[in-house]
Amino acid sequence: MSKKFALIGAAGFVAPRHMRAIKENGGDLVAAYDPHDSVGVLDSYFPDCNFFTDNDTFWDCVKKESVDYVSICSPNYLHTHHMVMALCCGANVICEKPIVLESDALAALKYAQDITGRKVNTILQLRLHKDIIALKKRLDPSTHHQVTLNYVAPRGKWYQASWKGDDDKSGGIVTNIGIHLFDLLIHLFGEPVRIVEALITKDYAKGMIGFRGADVSWHLSTEGLKPERSITIDGETLEFSKGFTDLHTISYERVLAGEGFTIEDARPSIRLVNQIRGEKDEI
């Protein structure tokens, strides 16, 4: 019997990836919610899906349909509230990055998970990229590496005009754009031990971080003419812009197999971006 899904943020940038992942894993999207009604994309995946612009009616449907998973693609600052609501409605959670903006929220989230008996999963798809998996296998854990990470994700003027351009709602570029990359660095090189420097603007950020297994110079940008995703380790460059098409589908496959990424998997990168932003978390 197929699993029942509901989705929050159906009109958003990343929602179609989740719709596709649900469909390709044999799930049924029975309810979707967004205060904006430009959601014609639903017809390409689940034309019979119930759609709501009213928050309360959506949650009533989640409970009535006994939804197995709520997929959360809402603005970052709403993630905690939406995850707790989903758990309290008896559903498991699949939440887009970043799972939360502040590390303090993880404790409340874990408490809600524990008392409801449901599970929070998050999307950390770069760990599932085939080139990254192969790279991790090649790395010598006894070597301290010299690393440069470049990530350019061009965005139009809409980006800064939307909630993504509001640091209080998105966490700024190091959180909204950088969270996967910092998770990737922790995954490859272990715990961060020091932040040497960081320069952050609305559309550009760079800095240096010392990890247990590497010294990393990093650069993020939403400016540019084309995307760039590359990591250079000891002079050898890996370009990993390709191979992103199926990563959400693979993420969902792992969740359904009970192998999704957890609150604890997400915690180190949340702490790191908080520290880079000059907030209270310490390395």
C-alpha atoms as a PDB file:
ATOM      1  CA  MET A   1       0.000   0.000   0.000  1.00  0.00           C
ATOM      2  CA  SER A   2       1.433   3.377  -1.000  1.00  0.00           C
ATOM      3  CA  LYS A   3       2.343   5.922   1.652  1.00  0.00           C
ATOM      4  CA  LYS A   4       0.248   9.057   1.955  1.00  0.00           C
ATOM      5  CA  PHE A   5       2.013  12.406   1.755  1.00  0.00           C
ATOM      6  CA  ALA A   6       1.075  16.029   2.356  1.00  0.00           C
ATOM      7  CA  LEU A   7       3.194  18.986   1.257  1.00  0.00           C
ATOM      8  CA  ILE A   8       3.605  22.498   2.652  1.00  0.00           C
ATOM      9  CA  GLY A   9       4.933  25.182   0.309  1.00  0.00           C
ATOM     10  CA  ALA A  10       3.527  23.783  -2.934  1.00  0.00           C
ATOM     11  CA  ALA A  11       4.121  27.032  -4.849  1.00  0.00           C
ATOM     12  CA  GLY A  12       7.763  27.281  -3.824  1.00  0.00           C
ATOM     13  CA  PHE A  13      11.033  26.899  -5.712  1.00  0.00           C
ATOM     14  CA  VAL A  14      11.932  23.419  -4.443  1.00  0.00           C
ATOM     15  CA  ALA A  15       8.449  21.856  -4.204  1.00  0.00           C
ATOM     16  CA  PRO A  16       8.489  20.176  -7.657  1.00  0.00           C
ATOM     17  CA  ARG A  17      11.546  18.146  -6.640  1.00  0.00           C
ATOM     18  CA  HIS A  18       9.573  16.781  -3.704  1.00  0.00           C
ATOM     19  CA  MET A  19       6.506  16.083  -5.840  1.00  0.00           C
ATOM     20  CA  ARG A  20       8.646  14.137  -8.274  1.00  0.00           C
ATOM     21  CA  ALA A  21      10.383  12.240  -5.458  1.00  0.00           C
ATOM     22  CA  ILE A  22       7.037  11.257  -3.939  1.00  0.00           C
ATOM     23  CA  LYS A  23       5.718  10.038  -7.295  1.00  0.00           C
ATOM     24  CA  GLU A  24       8.885   8.142  -8.244  1.00  0.00           C
ATOM     25  CA  ASN A  25       8.844   6.360  -4.886  1.00  0.00           C
ATOM     26  CA  GLY A  26       5.253   5.228  -5.349  1.00  0.00           C
ATOM     27  CA  GLY A  27       3.730   7.658  -2.846  1.00  0.00           C
ATOM     28  CA  ASP A  28       0.405   9.447  -3.055  1.00  0.00           C
ATOM     29  CA  LEU A  29       0.261  13.205  -2.441  1.00  0.00           C
ATOM     30  CA  VAL A  30      -3.198  13.684  -0.919  1.00  0.00           C
ATOM     31  CA  ALA A  31      -2.924  17.268   0.379  1.00  0.00           C
ATOM     32  CA  ALA A  32      -0.886  20.369  -0.419  1.00  0.00           C
ATOM     33  CA  TYR A  33      -0.871  23.804   1.187  1.00  0.00           C
ATOM     34  CA  ASP A  34       0.397  27.233   0.210  1.00  0.00           C
ATOM     35  CA  PRO A  35      -1.035  30.691   0.872  1.00  0.00           C
ATOM     36  CA  HIS A  36      -0.218  31.397  -2.789  1.00  0.00           C
ATOM     37  CA  ASP A  37      -2.306  29.551  -5.362  1.00  0.00           C
ATOM     38  CA  SER A  38       0.110  29.343  -8.322  1.00  0.00           C
ATOM     39  CA  VAL A  39       0.358  25.578  -8.037  1.00  0.00           C
ATOM     40  CA  GLY A  40      -0.476  24.312 -11.513  1.00  0.00           C
ATOM     41  CA  VAL A  41       2.632  22.141 -11.248  1.00  0.00           C
ATOM     42  CA  LEU A  42       0.499  19.723  -9.202  1.00  0.00           C
ATOM     43  CA  ASP A  43      -1.209  18.640 -12.426  1.00  0.00           C
ATOM     44  CA  SER A  44       2.078  17.175 -13.672  1.00  0.00           C
ATOM     45  CA  TYR A  45       2.371  14.877 -10.677  1.00  0.00           C
ATOM     46  CA  PHE A  46      -0.818  14.563  -8.619  1.00  0.00           C
ATOM     47  CA  PRO A  47      -3.833  16.159 -10.346  1.00  0.00           C
ATOM     48  CA  ASP A  48      -6.209  14.683  -7.737  1.00  0.00           C
ATOM     49  CA  CYS A  49      -4.327  16.197  -4.804  1.00  0.00           C
ATOM     50  CA  ASN A  50      -6.416  18.329  -2.450  1.00  0.00           C
ATOM     51  CA  PHE A  51      -5.055  21.875  -2.346  1.00  0.00           C
ATOM     52  CA  PHE A  52      -5.554  24.425   0.424  1.00  0.00           C
ATOM     53  CA  THR A  53      -4.683  28.071   0.944  1.00  0.00           C
ATOM     54  CA  ASP A  54      -6.089  27.910   4.484  1.00  0.00           C
ATOM     55  CA  ASN A  55      -3.738  26.586   7.152  1.00  0.00           C
ATOM     56  CA  ASP A  56      -6.349  25.074   9.510  1.00  0.00           C
ATOM     57  CA  THR A  57      -8.235  23.269   6.744  1.00  0.00           C
ATOM     58  CA  PHE A  58      -4.987  21.739   5.522  1.00  0.00           C
ATOM     59  CA  TRP A  59      -4.143  20.299   8.947  1.00  0.00           C
ATOM     60  CA  ASP A  60      -7.683  18.951   9.287  1.00  0.00           C
ATOM     61  CA  CYS A  61      -7.126  17.076   6.033  1.00  0.00           C
ATOM     62  CA  VAL A  62      -3.756  15.732   7.218  1.00  0.00           C
ATOM     63  CA  LYS A  63      -5.460  14.212  10.269  1.00  0.00           C
ATOM     64  CA  LYS A  64      -8.528  12.986   8.382  1.00  0.00           C
ATOM     65  CA  GLU A  65      -6.415  11.265   5.714  1.00  0.00           C
ATOM     66  CA  SER A  66      -4.022   9.735   8.288  1.00  0.00           C
ATOM     67  CA  VAL A  67      -1.059  11.096   6.323  1.00  0.00           C
ATOM     68  CA  ASP A  68       2.192   9.165   6.775  1.00  0.00           C
ATOM     69  CA  TYR A  69       4.616  11.984   5.867  1.00  0.00           C
ATOM     70  CA  VAL A  70       4.389  15.751   5.677  1.00  0.00           C
ATOM     71  CA  SER A  71       6.982  17.238   3.310  1.00  0.00           C
ATOM     72  CA  ILE A  72       7.964  20.752   4.340  1.00  0.00           C
ATOM     73  CA  CYS A  73       9.136  23.231   1.690  1.00  0.00           C
ATOM     74  CA  SER A  74       7.998  26.389   3.463  1.00  0.00           C
ATOM     75  CA  PRO A  75      10.226  29.419   4.194  1.00  0.00           C
ATOM     76  CA  ASN A  76      13.042  28.535   6.581  1.00  0.00           C
ATOM     77  CA  TYR A  77      11.741  30.491   9.560  1.00  0.00           C
ATOM     78  CA  LEU A  78       8.471  28.494   9.502  1.00  0.00           C
ATOM     79  CA  HIS A  79      10.085  25.045   9.497  1.00  0.00           C
ATOM     80  CA  THR A  80      10.034  24.473  13.261  1.00  0.00           C
ATOM     81  CA  HIS A  81       6.345  25.332  13.610  1.00  0.00           C
ATOM     82  CA  HIS A  82       5.350  23.226  10.623  1.00  0.00           C
ATOM     83  CA  MET A  83       7.379  20.235  11.778  1.00  0.00           C
ATOM     84  CA  VAL A  84       5.864  20.317  15.268  1.00  0.00           C
ATOM     85  CA  MET A  85       2.362  20.593  13.776  1.00  0.00           C
ATOM     86  CA  ALA A  86       3.002  17.611  11.499  1.00  0.00           C
ATOM     87  CA  LEU A  87       4.323  15.486  14.367  1.00  0.00           C
ATOM     88  CA  CYS A  88       1.335  16.391  16.542  1.00  0.00           C
ATOM     89  CA  CYS A  89      -0.994  15.392  13.690  1.00  0.00           C
ATOM     90  CA  GLY A  90       0.543  11.915  13.732  1.00  0.00           C
ATOM     91  CA  ALA A  91       2.747  12.238  10.646  1.00  0.00           C
ATOM     92  CA  ASN A  92       6.450  11.802  10.095  1.00  0.00           C
ATOM     93  CA  VAL A  93       8.365  14.713   8.585  1.00  0.00           C
ATOM     94  CA  ILE A  94      10.602  15.269   5.567  1.00  0.00           C
ATOM     95  CA  CYS A  95      11.976  18.814   5.846  1.00  0.00           C
ATOM     96  CA  GLU A  96      13.985  20.818   3.353  1.00  0.00           C
ATOM     97  CA  LYS A  97      17.219  22.466   4.392  1.00  0.00           C
ATOM     98  CA  PRO A  98      17.936  24.113   6.738  1.00  0.00           C
ATOM     99  CA  ILE A  99      15.875  22.065   9.163  1.00  0.00           C
ATOM    100  CA  VAL A 100      15.925  25.030  11.598  1.00  0.00           C
ATOM    101  CA  LEU A 101      17.629  28.428  11.747  1.00  0.00           C
ATOM    102  CA  GLU A 102      18.893  28.192  15.336  1.00  0.00           C
ATOM    103  CA  SER A 103      20.393  25.235  17.184  1.00  0.00           C
ATOM    104  CA  ASP A 104      18.172  25.967  20.196  1.00  0.00           C
ATOM    105  CA  ALA A 105      15.137  24.903  18.156  1.00  0.00           C
ATOM    106  CA  LEU A 106      16.513  21.384  17.767  1.00  0.00           C
ATOM    107  CA  ALA A 107      15.843  20.570  21.422  1.00  0.00           C
ATOM    108  CA  ALA A 108      12.158  21.465  21.113  1.00  0.00           C
ATOM    109  CA  LEU A 109      11.959  19.536  17.871  1.00  0.00           C
ATOM    110  CA  LYS A 110      13.545  16.450  19.403  1.00  0.00           C
ATOM    111  CA  TYR A 111      11.125  16.665  22.333  1.00  0.00           C
ATOM    112  CA  ALA A 112       8.139  16.801  19.960  1.00  0.00           C
ATOM    113  CA  GLN A 113       9.561  13.852  18.036  1.00  0.00           C
ATOM    114  CA  ASP A 114      10.035  11.804  21.205  1.00  0.00           C
ATOM    115  CA  ILE A 115       6.583  12.420  22.691  1.00  0.00           C
ATOM    116  CA  THR A 116       4.719  11.770  19.439  1.00  0.00           C
ATOM    117  CA  GLY A 117       6.704   8.701  18.430  1.00  0.00           C
ATOM    118  CA  ARG A 118       7.077  10.114  14.914  1.00  0.00           C
ATOM    119  CA  LYS A 119      10.331  10.889  13.111  1.00  0.00           C
ATOM    120  CA  VAL A 120      11.897  14.005  11.600  1.00  0.00           C
ATOM    121  CA  ASN A 121      13.953  13.512   8.430  1.00  0.00           C
ATOM    122  CA  THR A 122      15.851  16.226   6.609  1.00  0.00           C
ATOM    123  CA  ILE A 123      17.258  16.622   3.113  1.00  0.00           C
ATOM    124  CA  LEU A 124      21.068  16.530   2.989  1.00  0.00           C
ATOM    125  CA  GLN A 125      21.274  15.434  -0.612  1.00  0.00           C
ATOM    126  CA  LEU A 126      24.921  16.243  -1.353  1.00  0.00           C
ATOM    127  CA  ARG A 127      25.916  13.300   0.845  1.00  0.00           C
ATOM    128  CA  LEU A 128      24.095  11.108  -1.686  1.00  0.00           C
ATOM    129  CA  HIS A 129      25.776  12.528  -4.799  1.00  0.00           C
ATOM    130  CA  LYS A 130      27.647   9.689  -6.503  1.00  0.00           C
ATOM    131  CA  ASP A 131      30.790  11.779  -7.046  1.00  0.00           C
ATOM    132  CA  ILE A 132      30.833  12.842  -3.384  1.00  0.00           C
ATOM    133  CA  ILE A 133      30.402   9.233  -2.237  1.00  0.00           C
ATOM    134  CA  ALA A 134      33.357   8.213  -4.411  1.00  0.00           C
ATOM    135  CA  LEU A 135      35.404  11.173  -3.149  1.00  0.00           C
ATOM    136  CA  LYS A 136      34.820  10.306   0.501  1.00  0.00           C
ATOM    137  CA  LYS A 137      36.008   6.757  -0.138  1.00  0.00           C
ATOM    138  CA  ARG A 138      39.239   8.089  -1.700  1.00  0.00           C
ATOM    139  CA  LEU A 139      40.135  10.524   1.069  1.00  0.00           C
ATOM    140  CA  ASP A 140      42.993   9.517   3.340  1.00  0.00           C
ATOM    141  CA  PRO A 141      41.792  10.121   6.920  1.00  0.00           C
ATOM    142  CA  SER A 142      45.389  10.406   8.123  1.00  0.00           C
ATOM    143  CA  THR A 143      46.099  13.393   5.820  1.00  0.00           C
ATOM    144  CA  HIS A 144      45.287  17.028   6.621  1.00  0.00           C
ATOM    145  CA  HIS A 145      44.045  18.429   3.328  1.00  0.00           C
ATOM    146  CA  GLN A 146      44.110  21.868   1.736  1.00  0.00           C
ATOM    147  CA  VAL A 147      40.695  22.584   0.250  1.00  0.00           C
ATOM    148  CA  THR A 148      38.936  25.277  -1.790  1.00  0.00           C
ATOM    149  CA  LEU A 149      35.159  25.192  -2.184  1.00  0.00           C
ATOM    150  CA  ASN A 150      33.373  27.351  -4.772  1.00  0.00           C
ATOM    151  CA  TYR A 151      29.604  27.460  -5.053  1.00  0.00           C
ATOM    152  CA  VAL A 152      27.838  29.891  -7.369  1.00  0.00           C
ATOM    153  CA  ALA A 153      24.049  29.625  -7.574  1.00  0.00           C
ATOM    154  CA  PRO A 154      22.883  32.500  -9.815  1.00  0.00           C
ATOM    155  CA  ARG A 155      19.586  34.053  -8.756  1.00  0.00           C
ATOM    156  CA  GLY A 156      17.616  36.879 -10.355  1.00  0.00           C
ATOM    157  CA  LYS A 157      16.349  40.042  -8.697  1.00  0.00           C
ATOM    158  CA  TRP A 158      13.359  38.118  -7.348  1.00  0.00           C
ATOM    159  CA  TYR A 159      15.638  36.377  -4.845  1.00  0.00           C
ATOM    160  CA  GLN A 160      16.451  39.429  -2.719  1.00  0.00           C
ATOM    161  CA  ALA A 161      12.867  40.706  -3.025  1.00  0.00           C
ATOM    162  CA  SER A 162      11.482  37.437  -1.636  1.00  0.00           C
ATOM    163  CA  TRP A 163      11.689  36.031   1.898  1.00  0.00           C
ATOM    164  CA  LYS A 164      15.050  34.530   0.898  1.00  0.00           C
ATOM    165  CA  GLY A 165      16.551  38.027   0.906  1.00  0.00           C
ATOM    166  CA  ASP A 166      15.407  38.622   4.495  1.00  0.00           C
ATOM    167  CA  ASP A 167      18.095  37.298   6.857  1.00  0.00           C
ATOM    168  CA  ASP A 168      15.594  36.873   9.696  1.00  0.00           C
ATOM    169  CA  LYS A 169      13.486  34.572   7.536  1.00  0.00           C
ATOM    170  CA  SER A 170      16.152  32.703   5.546  1.00  0.00           C
ATOM    171  CA  GLY A 171      19.288  32.947   7.693  1.00  0.00           C
ATOM    172  CA  GLY A 172      21.068  34.761   4.867  1.00  0.00           C
ATOM    173  CA  ILE A 173      23.295  33.335   2.183  1.00  0.00           C
ATOM    174  CA  VAL A 174      25.468  31.186   4.476  1.00  0.00           C
ATOM    175  CA  THR A 175      22.345  29.393   5.727  1.00  0.00           C
ATOM    176  CA  ASN A 176      19.972  29.337   2.773  1.00  0.00           C
ATOM    177  CA  ILE A 177      22.610  28.646   0.113  1.00  0.00           C
ATOM    178  CA  GLY A 178      25.525  27.415   2.199  1.00  0.00           C
ATOM    179  CA  ILE A 179      23.977  24.911   4.597  1.00  0.00           C
ATOM    180  CA  HIS A 180      24.393  21.890   2.289  1.00  0.00           C
ATOM    181  CA  LEU A 181      27.986  22.851   1.541  1.00  0.00           C
ATOM    182  CA  PHE A 182      28.951  23.199   5.175  1.00  0.00           C
ATOM    183  CA  ASP A 183      27.260  19.875   5.884  1.00  0.00           C
ATOM    184  CA  LEU A 184      29.281  18.410   3.021  1.00  0.00           C
ATOM    185  CA  LEU A 185      32.557  19.725   4.469  1.00  0.00           C
ATOM    186  CA  ILE A 186      31.747  18.266   7.890  1.00  0.00           C
ATOM    187  CA  HIS A 187      30.789  14.968   6.227  1.00  0.00           C
ATOM    188  CA  LEU A 188      34.119  14.831   4.380  1.00  0.00           C
ATOM    189  CA  PHE A 189      36.550  16.356   6.889  1.00  0.00           C
ATOM    190  CA  GLY A 190      35.072  15.965  10.349  1.00  0.00           C
ATOM    191  CA  GLU A 191      34.288  18.528  13.003  1.00  0.00           C
ATOM    192  CA  PRO A 192      35.099  22.218  12.506  1.00  0.00           C
ATOM    193  CA  VAL A 193      37.714  23.412  14.981  1.00  0.00           C
ATOM    194  CA  ARG A 194      38.119  27.088  14.109  1.00  0.00           C
ATOM    195  CA  ILE A 195      36.725  29.841  11.917  1.00  0.00           C
ATOM    196  CA  VAL A 196      39.604  31.979  10.699  1.00  0.00           C
ATOM    197  CA  GLU A 197      37.523  34.646   9.008  1.00  0.00           C
ATOM    198  CA  ALA A 198      34.216  35.266   7.256  1.00  0.00           C
ATOM    199  CA  LEU A 199      32.924  38.073   5.057  1.00  0.00           C
ATOM    200  CA  ILE A 200      29.193  38.059   4.435  1.00  0.00           C
ATOM    201  CA  THR A 201      27.022  40.289   2.248  1.00  0.00           C
ATOM    202  CA  LYS A 202      23.510  39.791   0.880  1.00  0.00           C
ATOM    203  CA  ASP A 203      24.653  37.967  -2.248  1.00  0.00           C
ATOM    204  CA  TYR A 204      28.224  36.949  -1.510  1.00  0.00           C
ATOM    205  CA  ALA A 205      30.133  35.257   1.301  1.00  0.00           C
ATOM    206  CA  LYS A 206      33.627  33.868   1.748  1.00  0.00           C
ATOM    207  CA  GLY A 207      35.887  32.710   4.519  1.00  0.00           C
ATOM    208  CA  MET A 208      38.233  30.104   5.921  1.00  0.00           C
ATOM    209  CA  ILE A 209      37.433  27.258   8.290  1.00  0.00           C
ATOM    210  CA  GLY A 210      39.708  24.736   9.943  1.00  0.00           C
ATOM    211  CA  PHE A 211      38.223  21.244  10.159  1.00  0.00           C
ATOM    212  CA  ARG A 212      39.710  18.236  11.879  1.00  0.00           C
ATOM    213  CA  GLY A 213      40.859  16.916   8.504  1.00  0.00           C
ATOM    214  CA  ALA A 214      41.297  20.012   6.339  1.00  0.00           C
ATOM    215  CA  ASP A 215      41.829  23.736   6.057  1.00  0.00           C
ATOM    216  CA  VAL A 216      39.085  25.087   3.809  1.00  0.00           C
ATOM    217  CA  SER A 217      38.762  28.326   1.866  1.00  0.00           C
ATOM    218  CA  TRP A 218      35.119  28.724   0.829  1.00  0.00           C
ATOM    219  CA  HIS A 219      33.181  31.047  -1.460  1.00  0.00           C
ATOM    220  CA  LEU A 220      29.406  31.349  -1.967  1.00  0.00           C
ATOM    221  CA  SER A 221      27.566  33.627  -4.390  1.00  0.00           C
ATOM    222  CA  THR A 222      24.157  34.185  -5.947  1.00  0.00           C
ATOM    223  CA  GLU A 223      25.764  36.371  -8.627  1.00  0.00           C
ATOM    224  CA  GLY A 224      27.114  35.106 -11.944  1.00  0.00           C
ATOM    225  CA  LEU A 225      25.995  33.874 -15.324  1.00  0.00           C
ATOM    226  CA  LYS A 226      26.097  30.140 -14.692  1.00  0.00           C
ATOM    227  CA  PRO A 227      26.148  27.745 -11.729  1.00  0.00           C
ATOM    228  CA  GLU A 228      29.443  26.483 -10.341  1.00  0.00           C
ATOM    229  CA  ARG A 229      29.867  23.719  -7.814  1.00  0.00           C
ATOM    230  CA  SER A 230      33.469  22.666  -7.343  1.00  0.00           C
ATOM    231  CA  ILE A 231      35.773  21.453  -4.617  1.00  0.00           C
ATOM    232  CA  THR A 232      39.556  21.407  -4.954  1.00  0.00           C
ATOM    233  CA  ILE A 233      41.446  19.085  -2.609  1.00  0.00           C
ATOM    234  CA  ASP A 234      45.244  19.242  -2.559  1.00  0.00           C
ATOM    235  CA  GLY A 235      45.242  20.687  -6.083  1.00  0.00           C
ATOM    236  CA  GLU A 236      42.743  18.218  -7.600  1.00  0.00           C
ATOM    237  CA  THR A 237      39.393  19.737  -8.600  1.00  0.00           C
ATOM    238  CA  LEU A 238      36.056  17.942  -8.622  1.00  0.00           C
ATOM    239  CA  GLU A 239      33.184  19.680 -10.412  1.00  0.00           C
ATOM    240  CA  PHE A 240      29.914  18.317  -9.038  1.00  0.00           C
ATOM    241  CA  SER A 241      27.293  20.418 -10.844  1.00  0.00           C
ATOM    242  CA  LYS A 242      25.974  17.347 -12.635  1.00  0.00           C
ATOM    243  CA  GLY A 243      24.135  14.471 -11.017  1.00  0.00           C
ATOM    244  CA  PHE A 244      21.638  16.538  -9.003  1.00  0.00           C
ATOM    245  CA  THR A 245      18.535  15.400 -10.902  1.00  0.00           C
ATOM    246  CA  ASP A 246      17.686  12.351  -8.798  1.00  0.00           C
ATOM    247  CA  LEU A 247      19.013  13.318  -5.369  1.00  0.00           C
ATOM    248  CA  HIS A 248      15.621  14.142  -3.844  1.00  0.00           C
ATOM    249  CA  THR A 249      14.232  10.877  -5.188  1.00  0.00           C
ATOM    250  CA  ILE A 250      17.138   9.014  -3.588  1.00  0.00           C
ATOM    251  CA  SER A 251      16.614  10.969  -0.351  1.00  0.00           C
ATOM    252  CA  TYR A 252      12.966   9.876  -0.219  1.00  0.00           C
ATOM    253  CA  GLU A 253      13.919   6.296  -1.002  1.00  0.00           C
ATOM    254  CA  ARG A 254      16.225   6.301   2.037  1.00  0.00           C
ATOM    255  CA  VAL A 255      13.552   7.865   4.251  1.00  0.00           C
ATOM    256  CA  LEU A 256      11.032   5.203   3.281  1.00  0.00           C
ATOM    257  CA  ALA A 257      13.651   2.548   4.058  1.00  0.00           C
ATOM    258  CA  GLY A 258      14.139   4.016   7.545  1.00  0.00           C
ATOM    259  CA  GLU A 259      17.530   5.498   6.636  1.00  0.00           C
ATOM    260  CA  GLY A 260      16.729   9.206   6.389  1.00  0.00           C
ATOM    261  CA  PHE A 261      19.004  11.921   7.758  1.00  0.00           C
ATOM    262  CA  THR A 262      18.029  12.859  11.301  1.00  0.00           C
ATOM    263  CA  ILE A 263      18.005  15.849  13.643  1.00  0.00           C
ATOM    264  CA  GLU A 264      21.425  14.785  14.920  1.00  0.00           C
ATOM    265  CA  ASP A 265      22.801  14.525  11.380  1.00  0.00           C
ATOM    266  CA  ALA A 266      21.743  18.132  10.774  1.00  0.00           C
ATOM    267  CA  ARG A 267      22.964  19.565  14.093  1.00  0.00           C
ATOM    268  CA  PRO A 268      26.695  20.140  13.285  1.00  0.00           C
ATOM    269  CA  SER A 269      26.049  22.220  10.163  1.00  0.00           C
ATOM    270  CA  ILE A 270      23.353  24.289  11.912  1.00  0.00           C
ATOM    271  CA  ARG A 271      25.808  25.049  14.710  1.00  0.00           C
ATOM    272  CA  LEU A 272      28.499  25.958  12.199  1.00  0.00           C
ATOM    273  CA  VAL A 273      26.397  28.409  10.188  1.00  0.00           C
ATOM    274  CA  ASN A 274      25.210  30.045  13.415  1.00  0.00           C
ATOM    275  CA  GLN A 275      28.860  30.533  14.390  1.00  0.00           C
ATOM    276  CA  ILE A 276      29.813  31.887  10.958  1.00  0.00           C
ATOM    277  CA  ARG A 277      26.967  34.386  11.239  1.00  0.00           C
ATOM    278  CA  GLY A 278      28.447  35.563  14.552  1.00  0.00           C
ATOM    279  CA  GLU A 279      25.728  34.153  16.725  1.00  0.00           C
ATOM    280  CA  LYS A 280      26.060  32.445  20.085  1.00  0.00           C
ATOM    281  CA  ASP A 281      26.870  28.866  19.064  1.00  0.00           C
ATOM    282  CA  GLU A 282      30.538  28.095  19.623  1.00  0.00           C
ATOM    283  CA  ILE A 283      32.798  25.556  17.995  1.00  0.00           C
END
